[in-house]
Amino acid sequence: MALRFMGIDPKTDGDECPTAWVDEEKAEIVVQGWKADGATEAECLETGKIPETEAVIRLPARMVPILRKACDAAEAAELQRAAG
């Protein structure tokens, strides 16, 4: 698996930084974010379970441009995979 770096929180302090990548082979977005607190997880559980293999994370709104870039790259990878 080779991840393509999309970007990091523009206001990073260099430690525990929200980051986004794209796995172009699988056409998936990979994100690192702040682990949600118990209250946030409880609210998310109101609409469904959180499997052991998943986590609720938080990303700052200032990362929206990075996430858009990641979404576009993942979509392009999916289209390329579909085209053969």
N, C-alpha and C. Protein backbone atom coordinates (compact mmCIF):
# COMPACT_ATOMS: atom_id res chain seq x y z
N MET A 1 0.86 -1.18 0.00
CA MET A 1 0.00 0.00 0.00
C MET A 1 0.90 1.23 0.00
N ALA A 2 0.64 2.12 -0.91
CA ALA A 2 1.37 3.39 -0.97
C ALA A 2 0.36 4.52 -0.78
N LEU A 3 0.49 5.24 0.31
CA LEU A 3 -0.41 6.35 0.58
C LEU A 3 0.13 7.63 -0.04
N ARG A 4 -0.76 8.40 -0.62
CA ARG A 4 -0.40 9.70 -1.18
C ARG A 4 -0.79 10.77 -0.17
N PHE A 5 0.18 11.49 0.32
CA PHE A 5 -0.04 12.55 1.31
C PHE A 5 -0.85 13.68 0.68
N MET A 6 -1.94 14.06 1.34
CA MET A 6 -2.79 15.14 0.85
C MET A 6 -2.55 16.44 1.61
N GLY A 7 -2.33 16.33 2.91
CA GLY A 7 -2.09 17.54 3.67
C GLY A 7 -2.21 17.31 5.16
N ILE A 8 -1.77 18.30 5.89
CA ILE A 8 -1.77 18.27 7.34
C ILE A 8 -2.43 19.55 7.85
N ASP A 9 -2.97 19.50 9.03
CA ASP A 9 -3.60 20.67 9.63
C ASP A 9 -2.69 21.89 9.46
N PRO A 10 -3.18 22.94 8.80
CA PRO A 10 -2.33 24.10 8.55
C PRO A 10 -1.91 24.84 9.81
N LYS A 11 -2.55 24.57 10.92
CA LYS A 11 -2.16 25.21 12.18
C LYS A 11 -1.51 24.21 13.12
N THR A 12 -0.84 23.22 12.53
CA THR A 12 -0.20 22.19 13.34
C THR A 12 0.88 22.75 14.24
N ASP A 13 1.00 22.13 15.39
CA ASP A 13 2.10 22.48 16.29
C ASP A 13 3.22 21.46 16.16
N GLY A 14 3.08 20.56 15.18
CA GLY A 14 4.09 19.55 14.93
C GLY A 14 3.92 18.28 15.73
N ASP A 15 2.86 18.20 16.53
CA ASP A 15 2.64 17.03 17.36
C ASP A 15 1.17 16.64 17.28
N GLU A 16 0.90 15.34 17.07
CA GLU A 16 -0.47 14.85 17.02
C GLU A 16 -1.33 15.65 16.05
N CYS A 17 -0.88 15.72 14.83
CA CYS A 17 -1.50 16.58 13.82
C CYS A 17 -2.54 15.84 13.00
N PRO A 18 -3.75 16.38 12.85
CA PRO A 18 -4.67 15.78 11.89
C PRO A 18 -4.05 15.81 10.49
N THR A 19 -4.17 14.69 9.79
CA THR A 19 -3.53 14.52 8.49
C THR A 19 -4.46 13.72 7.58
N ALA A 20 -4.34 13.92 6.27
CA ALA A 20 -5.12 13.16 5.31
C ALA A 20 -4.21 12.60 4.21
N TRP A 21 -4.52 11.36 3.81
CA TRP A 21 -3.83 10.68 2.72
C TRP A 21 -4.87 10.03 1.83
N VAL A 22 -4.46 9.56 0.66
CA VAL A 22 -5.32 8.77 -0.22
C VAL A 22 -4.57 7.51 -0.59
N ASP A 23 -5.26 6.38 -0.49
CA ASP A 23 -4.76 5.11 -0.98
C ASP A 23 -5.34 4.98 -2.38
N GLU A 24 -4.54 5.28 -3.39
CA GLU A 24 -5.04 5.30 -4.76
C GLU A 24 -5.34 3.90 -5.29
N GLU A 25 -4.67 2.86 -4.76
CA GLU A 25 -4.96 1.50 -5.19
C GLU A 25 -6.36 1.07 -4.77
N LYS A 26 -6.76 1.45 -3.57
CA LYS A 26 -8.08 1.08 -3.06
C LYS A 26 -9.11 2.19 -3.24
N ALA A 27 -8.68 3.35 -3.70
CA ALA A 27 -9.55 4.53 -3.85
C ALA A 27 -10.22 4.86 -2.52
N GLU A 28 -9.39 4.96 -1.47
CA GLU A 28 -9.88 5.25 -0.13
C GLU A 28 -9.14 6.44 0.48
N ILE A 29 -9.86 7.17 1.31
CA ILE A 29 -9.27 8.28 2.04
C ILE A 29 -8.86 7.76 3.41
N VAL A 30 -7.66 8.11 3.84
CA VAL A 30 -7.14 7.73 5.14
C VAL A 30 -6.91 9.01 5.94
N VAL A 31 -7.46 9.05 7.15
CA VAL A 31 -7.31 10.26 7.96
C VAL A 31 -6.80 9.92 9.36
N GLN A 32 -6.05 10.84 9.89
CA GLN A 32 -5.63 10.82 11.29
C GLN A 32 -6.26 12.04 11.91
N GLY A 33 -6.93 11.86 13.02
CA GLY A 33 -7.56 12.99 13.68
C GLY A 33 -7.54 12.83 15.18
N TRP A 34 -8.13 13.78 15.86
CA TRP A 34 -8.20 13.71 17.31
C TRP A 34 -9.27 12.70 17.70
N LYS A 35 -8.96 11.82 18.60
CA LYS A 35 -9.91 10.83 19.08
C LYS A 35 -11.06 11.55 19.77
N ALA A 36 -12.28 11.17 19.41
CA ALA A 36 -13.46 11.81 19.99
C ALA A 36 -13.58 11.46 21.47
N ASP A 37 -14.16 12.37 22.22
CA ASP A 37 -14.38 12.13 23.64
C ASP A 37 -15.62 11.26 23.83
N GLY A 38 -15.85 10.81 25.06
CA GLY A 38 -16.96 9.93 25.36
C GLY A 38 -18.32 10.51 25.00
N ALA A 39 -18.50 11.80 25.24
CA ALA A 39 -19.79 12.43 24.94
C ALA A 39 -20.06 12.41 23.43
N THR A 40 -19.04 12.66 22.64
CA THR A 40 -19.19 12.64 21.18
C THR A 40 -19.50 11.23 20.71
N GLU A 41 -18.76 10.25 21.24
CA GLU A 41 -19.02 8.85 20.85
C GLU A 41 -20.45 8.44 21.24
N ALA A 42 -20.89 8.86 22.43
CA ALA A 42 -22.25 8.52 22.87
C ALA A 42 -23.29 9.08 21.91
N GLU A 43 -23.07 10.31 21.46
CA GLU A 43 -24.02 10.92 20.53
C GLU A 43 -24.00 10.18 19.19
N CYS A 44 -22.82 9.79 18.73
CA CYS A 44 -22.72 9.03 17.49
C CYS A 44 -23.41 7.67 17.60
N LEU A 45 -23.35 7.07 18.77
CA LEU A 45 -23.97 5.77 18.99
C LEU A 45 -25.49 5.83 18.91
N GLU A 46 -26.06 7.02 18.99
CA GLU A 46 -27.51 7.18 18.86
C GLU A 46 -27.99 6.81 17.46
N THR A 47 -27.10 6.87 16.48
CA THR A 47 -27.49 6.56 15.10
C THR A 47 -26.94 5.23 14.61
N GLY A 48 -26.19 4.53 15.43
CA GLY A 48 -25.65 3.22 15.04
C GLY A 48 -24.47 2.85 15.89
N LYS A 49 -24.02 1.61 15.72
CA LYS A 49 -22.89 1.14 16.53
C LYS A 49 -21.57 1.59 15.93
N ILE A 50 -20.52 1.52 16.73
CA ILE A 50 -19.16 1.81 16.28
C ILE A 50 -18.39 0.49 16.41
N PRO A 51 -18.15 -0.20 15.29
CA PRO A 51 -17.45 -1.48 15.35
C PRO A 51 -16.05 -1.33 15.96
N GLU A 52 -15.54 -2.42 16.50
CA GLU A 52 -14.21 -2.41 17.11
C GLU A 52 -13.12 -1.97 16.13
N THR A 53 -13.37 -2.19 14.85
CA THR A 53 -12.37 -1.84 13.83
C THR A 53 -12.48 -0.39 13.36
N GLU A 54 -13.38 0.39 13.96
CA GLU A 54 -13.58 1.78 13.56
C GLU A 54 -13.46 2.70 14.76
N ALA A 55 -13.31 3.99 14.48
CA ALA A 55 -13.21 4.98 15.54
C ALA A 55 -13.87 6.27 15.09
N VAL A 56 -14.35 7.04 16.04
CA VAL A 56 -14.88 8.36 15.76
C VAL A 56 -13.72 9.33 15.97
N ILE A 57 -13.46 10.15 14.96
CA ILE A 57 -12.38 11.13 15.07
C ILE A 57 -12.92 12.52 14.77
N ARG A 58 -12.16 13.50 15.18
CA ARG A 58 -12.51 14.90 14.90
C ARG A 58 -11.42 15.54 14.05
N LEU A 59 -11.86 16.36 13.10
CA LEU A 59 -10.95 17.13 12.27
C LEU A 59 -11.41 18.58 12.29
N PRO A 60 -10.49 19.53 12.32
CA PRO A 60 -10.90 20.93 12.32
C PRO A 60 -11.42 21.37 10.95
N ALA A 61 -12.35 22.30 10.97
CA ALA A 61 -12.94 22.82 9.72
C ALA A 61 -11.87 23.39 8.79
N ARG A 62 -10.78 23.86 9.36
CA ARG A 62 -9.73 24.44 8.51
C ARG A 62 -9.09 23.40 7.59
N MET A 63 -9.39 22.11 7.83
CA MET A 63 -8.86 21.06 6.96
C MET A 63 -9.79 20.75 5.79
N VAL A 64 -10.90 21.45 5.66
CA VAL A 64 -11.85 21.19 4.57
C VAL A 64 -11.17 21.22 3.21
N PRO A 65 -10.32 22.20 2.89
CA PRO A 65 -9.67 22.19 1.58
C PRO A 65 -8.81 20.93 1.36
N ILE A 66 -8.17 20.45 2.41
CA ILE A 66 -7.35 19.24 2.30
C ILE A 66 -8.24 18.03 2.07
N LEU A 67 -9.37 17.98 2.78
CA LEU A 67 -10.29 16.86 2.61
C LEU A 67 -10.94 16.87 1.23
N ARG A 68 -11.23 18.05 0.70
CA ARG A 68 -11.75 18.14 -0.67
C ARG A 68 -10.74 17.59 -1.66
N LYS A 69 -9.48 17.97 -1.45
CA LYS A 69 -8.40 17.49 -2.32
C LYS A 69 -8.32 15.96 -2.23
N ALA A 70 -8.43 15.42 -1.01
CA ALA A 70 -8.39 13.97 -0.82
C ALA A 70 -9.59 13.30 -1.49
N CYS A 71 -10.76 13.90 -1.36
CA CYS A 71 -11.97 13.35 -1.99
C CYS A 71 -11.81 13.32 -3.51
N ASP A 72 -11.31 14.39 -4.08
CA ASP A 72 -11.11 14.45 -5.53
C ASP A 72 -10.11 13.39 -5.98
N ALA A 73 -9.02 13.21 -5.23
CA ALA A 73 -8.00 12.21 -5.59
C ALA A 73 -8.56 10.80 -5.48
N ALA A 74 -9.34 10.53 -4.43
CA ALA A 74 -9.93 9.20 -4.26
C ALA A 74 -10.94 8.93 -5.37
N GLU A 75 -11.73 9.93 -5.72
CA GLU A 75 -12.71 9.76 -6.80
C GLU A 75 -12.01 9.50 -8.13
N ALA A 76 -10.93 10.23 -8.40
CA ALA A 76 -10.18 10.03 -9.64
C ALA A 76 -9.59 8.62 -9.68
N ALA A 77 -9.10 8.14 -8.54
CA ALA A 77 -8.55 6.78 -8.48
C ALA A 77 -9.63 5.75 -8.74
N GLU A 78 -10.82 5.97 -8.19
CA GLU A 78 -11.93 5.04 -8.41
C GLU A 78 -12.34 5.02 -9.88
N LEU A 79 -12.41 6.19 -10.50
CA LEU A 79 -12.75 6.25 -11.92
C LEU A 79 -11.71 5.56 -12.78
N GLN A 80 -10.46 5.72 -12.41
CA GLN A 80 -9.37 5.08 -13.14
C GLN A 80 -9.45 3.56 -12.99
N ARG A 81 -9.76 3.10 -11.78
CA ARG A 81 -9.91 1.66 -11.55
C ARG A 81 -11.08 1.11 -12.37
N ALA A 82 -12.18 1.84 -12.41
CA ALA A 82 -13.36 1.39 -13.15
C ALA A 82 -13.11 1.34 -14.65
N ALA A 83 -12.25 2.24 -15.14
CA ALA A 83 -11.96 2.29 -16.57
C ALA A 83 -11.03 1.15 -16.99
N GLY A 84 -10.41 0.53 -16.01
CA GLY A 84 -9.59 -0.62 -16.31
C GLY A 84 -8.17 -0.30 -16.34
